[in-house]
Amino acid sequence: PYLAILPGGIWLAAFFILPLFIMLSLSTQTGNLITGF
């Protein structure tokens, strides 16, 4: 059963969980596009 859900889990991690953590990290940063965040 775990192998069966593995592709879906990888997809969810790559396109939902990881972007969500990146967005959470960005939300507490400061700076701008020129000097960097």
PDB file of all heavy atoms in Angstrom:
ATOM      1  N   PRO A   1       0.809  -1.231   0.000  1.00  0.00           N
ATOM      2  CA  PRO A   1       0.000   0.000   0.000  1.00  0.00           C
ATOM      3  C   PRO A   1       0.836   1.273   0.000  1.00  0.00           C
ATOM      4  O   PRO A   1       0.470   2.263  -0.641  1.00  0.00           O
ATOM      5  CB  PRO A   1      -0.816  -0.122   1.291  1.00  0.00           C
ATOM      6  CG  PRO A   1      -0.856  -1.589   1.584  1.00  0.00           C
ATOM      7  CD  PRO A   1       0.451  -2.118   1.120  1.00  0.00           C
ATOM      8  N   TYR A   2       1.975   1.235   0.709  1.00  0.00           N
ATOM      9  CA  TYR A   2       2.828   2.426   0.763  1.00  0.00           C
ATOM     10  C   TYR A   2       3.495   2.689  -0.580  1.00  0.00           C
ATOM     11  O   TYR A   2       3.647   3.839  -0.996  1.00  0.00           O
ATOM     12  CB  TYR A   2       3.884   2.259   1.861  1.00  0.00           C
ATOM     13  CG  TYR A   2       3.299   2.119   3.235  1.00  0.00           C
ATOM     14  CD1 TYR A   2       3.167   0.869   3.830  1.00  0.00           C
ATOM     15  CD2 TYR A   2       2.847   3.238   3.934  1.00  0.00           C
ATOM     16  CE1 TYR A   2       2.609   0.739   5.098  1.00  0.00           C
ATOM     17  CE2 TYR A   2       2.299   3.111   5.206  1.00  0.00           C
ATOM     18  CZ  TYR A   2       2.183   1.857   5.780  1.00  0.00           C
ATOM     19  OH  TYR A   2       1.630   1.740   7.024  1.00  0.00           O
ATOM     20  N   LEU A   3       3.872   1.625  -1.265  1.00  0.00           N
ATOM     21  CA  LEU A   3       4.463   1.789  -2.592  1.00  0.00           C
ATOM     22  C   LEU A   3       3.423   2.317  -3.578  1.00  0.00           C
ATOM     23  O   LEU A   3       3.750   3.057  -4.508  1.00  0.00           O
ATOM     24  CB  LEU A   3       5.030   0.458  -3.087  1.00  0.00           C
ATOM     25  CG  LEU A   3       6.262  -0.067  -2.338  1.00  0.00           C
ATOM     26  CD1 LEU A   3       6.632  -1.451  -2.851  1.00  0.00           C
ATOM     27  CD2 LEU A   3       7.434   0.895  -2.494  1.00  0.00           C
ATOM     28  N   ALA A   4       2.172   1.929  -3.363  1.00  0.00           N
ATOM     29  CA  ALA A   4       1.104   2.382  -4.267  1.00  0.00           C
ATOM     30  C   ALA A   4       0.871   3.882  -4.159  1.00  0.00           C
ATOM     31  O   ALA A   4       0.578   4.548  -5.161  1.00  0.00           O
ATOM     32  CB  ALA A   4      -0.184   1.622  -3.978  1.00  0.00           C
ATOM     33  N   ILE A   5       0.985   4.415  -2.940  1.00  0.00           N
ATOM     34  CA  ILE A   5       0.741   5.855  -2.759  1.00  0.00           C
ATOM     35  C   ILE A   5       2.023   6.680  -2.890  1.00  0.00           C
ATOM     36  O   ILE A   5       1.964   7.905  -2.790  1.00  0.00           O
ATOM     37  CB  ILE A   5       0.092   6.136  -1.387  1.00  0.00           C
ATOM     38  CG1 ILE A   5       1.062   5.779  -0.250  1.00  0.00           C
ATOM     39  CG2 ILE A   5      -1.214   5.395  -1.255  1.00  0.00           C
ATOM     40  CD1 ILE A   5       0.558   6.185   1.121  1.00  0.00           C
ATOM     41  N   LEU A   6       3.155   6.004  -3.100  1.00  0.00           N
ATOM     42  CA  LEU A   6       4.426   6.726  -3.180  1.00  0.00           C
ATOM     43  C   LEU A   6       4.455   7.762  -4.300  1.00  0.00           C
ATOM     44  O   LEU A   6       4.884   8.900  -4.070  1.00  0.00           O
ATOM     45  CB  LEU A   6       5.581   5.738  -3.333  1.00  0.00           C
ATOM     46  CG  LEU A   6       6.991   6.345  -3.369  1.00  0.00           C
ATOM     47  CD1 LEU A   6       7.278   7.092  -2.060  1.00  0.00           C
ATOM     48  CD2 LEU A   6       8.037   5.257  -3.605  1.00  0.00           C
ATOM     49  N   PRO A   7       4.021   7.427  -5.538  1.00  0.00           N
ATOM     50  CA  PRO A   7       4.045   8.462  -6.597  1.00  0.00           C
ATOM     51  C   PRO A   7       3.212   9.687  -6.245  1.00  0.00           C
ATOM     52  O   PRO A   7       3.641  10.826  -6.448  1.00  0.00           O
ATOM     53  CB  PRO A   7       3.471   7.726  -7.815  1.00  0.00           C
ATOM     54  CG  PRO A   7       3.751   6.285  -7.554  1.00  0.00           C
ATOM     55  CD  PRO A   7       3.601   6.122  -6.069  1.00  0.00           C
ATOM     56  N   GLY A   8       2.025   9.454  -5.672  1.00  0.00           N
ATOM     57  CA  GLY A   8       1.191  10.581  -5.266  1.00  0.00           C
ATOM     58  C   GLY A   8       1.821  11.385  -4.148  1.00  0.00           C
ATOM     59  O   GLY A   8       1.718  12.612  -4.113  1.00  0.00           O
ATOM     60  N   GLY A   9       2.481  10.678  -3.222  1.00  0.00           N
ATOM     61  CA  GLY A   9       3.153  11.373  -2.124  1.00  0.00           C
ATOM     62  C   GLY A   9       4.305  12.231  -2.607  1.00  0.00           C
ATOM     63  O   GLY A   9       4.494  13.359  -2.129  1.00  0.00           O
ATOM     64  N   ILE A  10       5.077  11.706  -3.562  1.00  0.00           N
ATOM     65  CA  ILE A  10       6.184  12.481  -4.134  1.00  0.00           C
ATOM     66  C   ILE A  10       5.649  13.704  -4.852  1.00  0.00           C
ATOM     67  O   ILE A  10       6.188  14.814  -4.730  1.00  0.00           O
ATOM     68  CB  ILE A  10       7.019  11.597  -5.079  1.00  0.00           C
ATOM     69  CG1 ILE A  10       7.708  10.485  -4.291  1.00  0.00           C
ATOM     70  CG2 ILE A  10       8.048  12.438  -5.823  1.00  0.00           C
ATOM     71  CD1 ILE A  10       8.454   9.493  -5.155  1.00  0.00           C
ATOM     72  N   TRP A  11       4.593  13.530  -5.619  1.00  0.00           N
ATOM     73  CA  TRP A  11       3.968  14.645  -6.344  1.00  0.00           C
ATOM     74  C   TRP A  11       3.472  15.709  -5.361  1.00  0.00           C
ATOM     75  O   TRP A  11       3.692  16.906  -5.562  1.00  0.00           O
ATOM     76  CB  TRP A  11       2.815  14.112  -7.187  1.00  0.00           C
ATOM     77  CG  TRP A  11       2.110  15.157  -8.008  1.00  0.00           C
ATOM     78  CD1 TRP A  11       1.103  15.985  -7.604  1.00  0.00           C
ATOM     79  CD2 TRP A  11       2.388  15.504  -9.370  1.00  0.00           C
ATOM     80  NE1 TRP A  11       0.712  16.809  -8.624  1.00  0.00           N
ATOM     81  CE2 TRP A  11       1.483  16.534  -9.722  1.00  0.00           C
ATOM     82  CE3 TRP A  11       3.276  15.034 -10.312  1.00  0.00           C
ATOM     83  CZ2 TRP A  11       1.465  17.097 -10.986  1.00  0.00           C
ATOM     84  CZ3 TRP A  11       3.257  15.595 -11.584  1.00  0.00           C
ATOM     85  CH2 TRP A  11       2.365  16.619 -11.906  1.00  0.00           C
ATOM     86  N   LEU A  12       2.809  15.265  -4.286  1.00  0.00           N
ATOM     87  CA  LEU A  12       2.289  16.203  -3.286  1.00  0.00           C
ATOM     88  C   LEU A  12       3.421  16.945  -2.590  1.00  0.00           C
ATOM     89  O   LEU A  12       3.330  18.157  -2.358  1.00  0.00           O
ATOM     90  CB  LEU A  12       1.451  15.436  -2.265  1.00  0.00           C
ATOM     91  CG  LEU A  12       0.754  16.261  -1.172  1.00  0.00           C
ATOM     92  CD1 LEU A  12      -0.291  17.173  -1.789  1.00  0.00           C
ATOM     93  CD2 LEU A  12       0.098  15.338  -0.153  1.00  0.00           C
ATOM     94  N   ALA A  13       4.500  16.226  -2.279  1.00  0.00           N
ATOM     95  CA  ALA A  13       5.634  16.855  -1.603  1.00  0.00           C
ATOM     96  C   ALA A  13       6.329  17.867  -2.498  1.00  0.00           C
ATOM     97  O   ALA A  13       6.724  18.951  -2.055  1.00  0.00           O
ATOM     98  CB  ALA A  13       6.624  15.787  -1.151  1.00  0.00           C
ATOM     99  N   ALA A  14       6.469  17.521  -3.785  1.00  0.00           N
ATOM    100  CA  ALA A  14       7.218  18.382  -4.702  1.00  0.00           C
ATOM    101  C   ALA A  14       6.441  19.623  -5.099  1.00  0.00           C
ATOM    102  O   ALA A  14       7.030  20.712  -5.254  1.00  0.00           O
ATOM    103  CB  ALA A  14       7.626  17.593  -5.951  1.00  0.00           C
ATOM    104  N   PHE A  15       5.129  19.500  -5.263  1.00  0.00           N
ATOM    105  CA  PHE A  15       4.353  20.609  -5.815  1.00  0.00           C
ATOM    106  C   PHE A  15       3.398  21.261  -4.820  1.00  0.00           C
ATOM    107  O   PHE A  15       2.690  22.200  -5.184  1.00  0.00           O
ATOM    108  CB  PHE A  15       3.566  20.137  -7.043  1.00  0.00           C
ATOM    109  CG  PHE A  15       4.444  19.721  -8.188  1.00  0.00           C
ATOM    110  CD1 PHE A  15       4.683  18.381  -8.433  1.00  0.00           C
ATOM    111  CD2 PHE A  15       5.053  20.662  -8.990  1.00  0.00           C
ATOM    112  CE1 PHE A  15       5.497  17.987  -9.481  1.00  0.00           C
ATOM    113  CE2 PHE A  15       5.873  20.287 -10.034  1.00  0.00           C
ATOM    114  CZ  PHE A  15       6.098  18.935 -10.279  1.00  0.00           C
ATOM    115  N   PHE A  16       3.371  20.775  -3.581  1.00  0.00           N
ATOM    116  CA  PHE A  16       2.539  21.437  -2.574  1.00  0.00           C
ATOM    117  C   PHE A  16       3.319  21.730  -1.297  1.00  0.00           C
ATOM    118  O   PHE A  16       3.416  22.880  -0.861  1.00  0.00           O
ATOM    119  CB  PHE A  16       1.303  20.594  -2.242  1.00  0.00           C
ATOM    120  CG  PHE A  16       0.455  21.203  -1.156  1.00  0.00           C
ATOM    121  CD1 PHE A  16      -0.333  22.323  -1.414  1.00  0.00           C
ATOM    122  CD2 PHE A  16       0.444  20.672   0.122  1.00  0.00           C
ATOM    123  CE1 PHE A  16      -1.100  22.902  -0.415  1.00  0.00           C
ATOM    124  CE2 PHE A  16      -0.324  21.226   1.131  1.00  0.00           C
ATOM    125  CZ  PHE A  16      -1.099  22.347   0.860  1.00  0.00           C
ATOM    126  N   ILE A  17       3.866  20.687  -0.688  1.00  0.00           N
ATOM    127  CA  ILE A  17       4.523  20.864   0.602  1.00  0.00           C
ATOM    128  C   ILE A  17       5.777  21.717   0.466  1.00  0.00           C
ATOM    129  O   ILE A  17       5.980  22.681   1.226  1.00  0.00           O
ATOM    130  CB  ILE A  17       4.857  19.490   1.223  1.00  0.00           C
ATOM    131  CG1 ILE A  17       3.566  18.707   1.475  1.00  0.00           C
ATOM    132  CG2 ILE A  17       5.643  19.678   2.521  1.00  0.00           C
ATOM    133  CD1 ILE A  17       3.790  17.316   2.021  1.00  0.00           C
ATOM    134  N   LEU A  18       6.641  21.391  -0.503  1.00  0.00           N
ATOM    135  CA  LEU A  18       7.874  22.168  -0.686  1.00  0.00           C
ATOM    136  C   LEU A  18       7.582  23.622  -1.046  1.00  0.00           C
ATOM    137  O   LEU A  18       8.155  24.538  -0.422  1.00  0.00           O
ATOM    138  CB  LEU A  18       8.752  21.500  -1.752  1.00  0.00           C
ATOM    139  CG  LEU A  18      10.089  22.186  -2.044  1.00  0.00           C
ATOM    140  CD1 LEU A  18      10.945  22.252  -0.790  1.00  0.00           C
ATOM    141  CD2 LEU A  18      10.839  21.457  -3.158  1.00  0.00           C
ATOM    142  N   PRO A  19       6.693  23.916  -2.029  1.00  0.00           N
ATOM    143  CA  PRO A  19       6.368  25.325  -2.300  1.00  0.00           C
ATOM    144  C   PRO A  19       5.764  26.039  -1.099  1.00  0.00           C
ATOM    145  O   PRO A  19       5.996  27.239  -0.909  1.00  0.00           O
ATOM    146  CB  PRO A  19       5.363  25.243  -3.457  1.00  0.00           C
ATOM    147  CG  PRO A  19       5.663  23.957  -4.134  1.00  0.00           C
ATOM    148  CD  PRO A  19       6.061  23.026  -3.024  1.00  0.00           C
ATOM    149  N   LEU A  20       5.002  25.299  -0.283  1.00  0.00           N
ATOM    150  CA  LEU A  20       4.399  25.914   0.897  1.00  0.00           C
ATOM    151  C   LEU A  20       5.479  26.333   1.890  1.00  0.00           C
ATOM    152  O   LEU A  20       5.415  27.435   2.464  1.00  0.00           O
ATOM    153  CB  LEU A  20       3.424  24.938   1.548  1.00  0.00           C
ATOM    154  CG  LEU A  20       2.673  25.447   2.783  1.00  0.00           C
ATOM    155  CD1 LEU A  20       1.833  26.674   2.429  1.00  0.00           C
ATOM    156  CD2 LEU A  20       1.783  24.349   3.349  1.00  0.00           C
ATOM    157  N   PHE A  21       6.479  25.491   2.109  1.00  0.00           N
ATOM    158  CA  PHE A  21       7.568  25.853   3.004  1.00  0.00           C
ATOM    159  C   PHE A  21       8.379  27.025   2.448  1.00  0.00           C
ATOM    160  O   PHE A  21       8.831  27.898   3.202  1.00  0.00           O
ATOM    161  CB  PHE A  21       8.476  24.642   3.243  1.00  0.00           C
ATOM    162  CG  PHE A  21       7.998  23.736   4.331  1.00  0.00           C
ATOM    163  CD1 PHE A  21       7.442  22.506   4.033  1.00  0.00           C
ATOM    164  CD2 PHE A  21       8.074  24.129   5.660  1.00  0.00           C
ATOM    165  CE1 PHE A  21       6.987  21.671   5.029  1.00  0.00           C
ATOM    166  CE2 PHE A  21       7.626  23.302   6.674  1.00  0.00           C
ATOM    167  CZ  PHE A  21       7.082  22.063   6.355  1.00  0.00           C
ATOM    168  N   ILE A  22       8.572  27.045   1.130  1.00  0.00           N
ATOM    169  CA  ILE A  22       9.287  28.171   0.509  1.00  0.00           C
ATOM    170  C   ILE A  22       8.504  29.465   0.711  1.00  0.00           C
ATOM    171  O   ILE A  22       9.078  30.513   1.040  1.00  0.00           O
ATOM    172  CB  ILE A  22       9.517  27.894  -0.988  1.00  0.00           C
ATOM    173  CG1 ILE A  22      10.493  26.724  -1.163  1.00  0.00           C
ATOM    174  CG2 ILE A  22      10.056  29.139  -1.680  1.00  0.00           C
ATOM    175  CD1 ILE A  22      10.666  26.296  -2.606  1.00  0.00           C
ATOM    176  N   MET A  23       7.181  29.390   0.544  1.00  0.00           N
ATOM    177  CA  MET A  23       6.349  30.574   0.732  1.00  0.00           C
ATOM    178  C   MET A  23       6.365  31.029   2.188  1.00  0.00           C
ATOM    179  O   MET A  23       6.406  32.232   2.473  1.00  0.00           O
ATOM    180  CB  MET A  23       4.925  30.287   0.271  1.00  0.00           C
ATOM    181  CG  MET A  23       4.032  31.520   0.221  1.00  0.00           C
ATOM    182  SD  MET A  23       2.492  31.236  -0.675  1.00  0.00           S
ATOM    183  CE  MET A  23       1.711  30.031   0.389  1.00  0.00           C
ATOM    184  N   LEU A  24       6.347  30.070   3.120  1.00  0.00           N
ATOM    185  CA  LEU A  24       6.445  30.427   4.538  1.00  0.00           C
ATOM    186  C   LEU A  24       7.767  31.121   4.844  1.00  0.00           C
ATOM    187  O   LEU A  24       7.812  32.090   5.610  1.00  0.00           O
ATOM    188  CB  LEU A  24       6.312  29.169   5.397  1.00  0.00           C
ATOM    189  CG  LEU A  24       4.903  28.614   5.576  1.00  0.00           C
ATOM    190  CD1 LEU A  24       4.954  27.225   6.207  1.00  0.00           C
ATOM    191  CD2 LEU A  24       4.050  29.544   6.412  1.00  0.00           C
ATOM    192  N   SER A  25       8.845  30.634   4.250  1.00  0.00           N
ATOM    193  CA  SER A  25      10.152  31.263   4.456  1.00  0.00           C
ATOM    194  C   SER A  25      10.186  32.663   3.858  1.00  0.00           C
ATOM    195  O   SER A  25      10.694  33.609   4.476  1.00  0.00           O
ATOM    196  CB  SER A  25      11.248  30.399   3.838  1.00  0.00           C
ATOM    197  OG  SER A  25      12.513  31.024   3.935  1.00  0.00           O
ATOM    198  N   LEU A  26       9.626  32.808   2.660  1.00  0.00           N
ATOM    199  CA  LEU A  26       9.616  34.126   2.007  1.00  0.00           C
ATOM    200  C   LEU A  26       8.802  35.141   2.796  1.00  0.00           C
ATOM    201  O   LEU A  26       9.125  36.332   2.817  1.00  0.00           O
ATOM    202  CB  LEU A  26       9.036  33.999   0.595  1.00  0.00           C
ATOM    203  CG  LEU A  26       9.975  33.582  -0.530  1.00  0.00           C
ATOM    204  CD1 LEU A  26       9.182  33.330  -1.808  1.00  0.00           C
ATOM    205  CD2 LEU A  26      11.035  34.647  -0.774  1.00  0.00           C
ATOM    206  N   SER A  27       7.752  34.669   3.454  1.00  0.00           N
ATOM    207  CA  SER A  27       6.839  35.594   4.127  1.00  0.00           C
ATOM    208  C   SER A  27       7.482  36.326   5.297  1.00  0.00           C
ATOM    209  O   SER A  27       6.950  37.340   5.743  1.00  0.00           O
ATOM    210  CB  SER A  27       5.597  34.841   4.611  1.00  0.00           C
ATOM    211  OG  SER A  27       5.944  33.912   5.627  1.00  0.00           O
ATOM    212  N   THR A  28       8.589  35.839   5.806  1.00  0.00           N
ATOM    213  CA  THR A  28       9.258  36.501   6.933  1.00  0.00           C
ATOM    214  C   THR A  28      10.597  37.111   6.520  1.00  0.00           C
ATOM    215  O   THR A  28      11.413  37.453   7.379  1.00  0.00           O
ATOM    216  CB  THR A  28       9.485  35.499   8.073  1.00  0.00           C
ATOM    217  OG1 THR A  28      10.225  34.366   7.586  1.00  0.00           O
ATOM    218  CG2 THR A  28       8.166  35.030   8.648  1.00  0.00           C
ATOM    219  N   GLN A  29      10.817  37.249   5.216  1.00  0.00           N
ATOM    220  CA  GLN A  29      12.058  37.852   4.740  1.00  0.00           C
ATOM    221  C   GLN A  29      11.864  39.345   4.473  1.00  0.00           C
ATOM    222  O   GLN A  29      10.737  39.851   4.404  1.00  0.00           O
ATOM    223  CB  GLN A  29      12.535  37.155   3.450  1.00  0.00           C
ATOM    224  CG  GLN A  29      12.937  35.707   3.654  1.00  0.00           C
ATOM    225  CD  GLN A  29      13.438  35.068   2.370  1.00  0.00           C
ATOM    226  OE1 GLN A  29      13.732  35.748   1.384  1.00  0.00           O
ATOM    227  NE2 GLN A  29      13.548  33.734   2.370  1.00  0.00           N
ATOM    228  N   THR A  30      12.972  40.041   4.312  1.00  0.00           N
ATOM    229  CA  THR A  30      12.965  41.456   3.939  1.00  0.00           C
ATOM    230  C   THR A  30      13.962  41.662   2.801  1.00  0.00           C
ATOM    231  O   THR A  30      14.860  40.847   2.582  1.00  0.00           O
ATOM    232  CB  THR A  30      13.373  42.346   5.130  1.00  0.00           C
ATOM    233  OG1 THR A  30      14.634  41.901   5.648  1.00  0.00           O
ATOM    234  CG2 THR A  30      12.334  42.306   6.240  1.00  0.00           C
ATOM    235  N   GLY A  31      13.794  42.773   2.101  1.00  0.00           N
ATOM    236  CA  GLY A  31      14.691  43.090   0.996  1.00  0.00           C
ATOM    237  C   GLY A  31      13.907  43.434  -0.253  1.00  0.00           C
ATOM    238  O   GLY A  31      12.699  43.689  -0.210  1.00  0.00           O
ATOM    239  N   ASN A  32      14.587  43.413  -1.378  1.00  0.00           N
ATOM    240  CA  ASN A  32      13.952  43.701  -2.646  1.00  0.00           C
ATOM    241  C   ASN A  32      14.636  42.880  -3.732  1.00  0.00           C
ATOM    242  O   ASN A  32      15.637  42.184  -3.494  1.00  0.00           O
ATOM    243  CB  ASN A  32      13.999  45.205  -2.979  1.00  0.00           C
ATOM    244  CG  ASN A  32      15.410  45.757  -2.933  1.00  0.00           C
ATOM    245  OD1 ASN A  32      16.279  45.378  -3.725  1.00  0.00           O
ATOM    246  ND2 ASN A  32      15.670  46.656  -1.972  1.00  0.00           N
ATOM    247  N   LEU A  33      14.107  42.988  -4.938  1.00  0.00           N
ATOM    248  CA  LEU A  33      14.606  42.165  -6.040  1.00  0.00           C
ATOM    249  C   LEU A  33      16.018  42.562  -6.455  1.00  0.00           C
ATOM    250  O   LEU A  33      16.766  41.730  -6.974  1.00  0.00           O
ATOM    251  CB  LEU A  33      13.654  42.282  -7.237  1.00  0.00           C
ATOM    252  CG  LEU A  33      13.791  41.230  -8.343  1.00  0.00           C
ATOM    253  CD1 LEU A  33      13.504  39.840  -7.793  1.00  0.00           C
ATOM    254  CD2 LEU A  33      12.859  41.553  -9.497  1.00  0.00           C
ATOM    255  N   ILE A  34      16.406  43.801  -6.220  1.00  0.00           N
ATOM    256  CA  ILE A  34      17.731  44.272  -6.663  1.00  0.00           C
ATOM    257  C   ILE A  34      18.818  43.835  -5.684  1.00  0.00           C
ATOM    258  O   ILE A  34      19.829  43.237  -6.068  1.00  0.00           O
ATOM    259  CB  ILE A  34      17.718  45.807  -6.810  1.00  0.00           C
ATOM    260  CG1 ILE A  34      16.701  46.222  -7.884  1.00  0.00           C
ATOM    261  CG2 ILE A  34      19.121  46.316  -7.170  1.00  0.00           C
ATOM    262  CD1 ILE A  34      16.540  47.710  -8.026  1.00  0.00           C
ATOM    263  N   THR A  35      18.609  44.115  -4.404  1.00  0.00           N
ATOM    264  CA  THR A  35      19.625  43.773  -3.401  1.00  0.00           C
ATOM    265  C   THR A  35      19.472  42.344  -2.879  1.00  0.00           C
ATOM    266  O   THR A  35      20.361  41.829  -2.206  1.00  0.00           O
ATOM    267  CB  THR A  35      19.532  44.744  -2.208  1.00  0.00           C
ATOM    268  OG1 THR A  35      18.228  44.642  -1.612  1.00  0.00           O
ATOM    269  CG2 THR A  35      19.758  46.181  -2.686  1.00  0.00           C
ATOM    270  N   GLY A  36      18.347  41.720  -3.203  1.00  0.00           N
ATOM    271  CA  GLY A  36      18.107  40.362  -2.743  1.00  0.00           C
ATOM    272  C   GLY A  36      17.269  40.325  -1.475  1.00  0.00           C
ATOM    273  O   GLY A  36      17.103  41.348  -0.790  1.00  0.00           O
ATOM    274  N   PHE A  37      16.749  39.162  -1.178  1.00  0.00           N
ATOM    275  CA  PHE A  37      15.908  38.976   0.010  1.00  0.00           C
ATOM    276  C   PHE A  37      16.697  38.204   1.060  1.00  0.00           C
ATOM    277  O   PHE A  37      17.444  37.275   0.749  1.00  0.00           O
ATOM    278  CB  PHE A  37      14.630  38.230  -0.348  1.00  0.00           C
ATOM    279  CG  PHE A  37      13.764  38.956  -1.330  1.00  0.00           C
ATOM    280  CD1 PHE A  37      13.795  38.632  -2.681  1.00  0.00           C
ATOM    281  CD2 PHE A  37      12.933  39.987  -0.918  1.00  0.00           C
ATOM    282  CE1 PHE A  37      13.002  39.300  -3.589  1.00  0.00           C
ATOM    283  CE2 PHE A  37      12.137  40.661  -1.823  1.00  0.00           C
ATOM    284  CZ  PHE A  37      12.174  40.322  -3.167  1.00  0.00           C
TER     285      PHE A  37
END
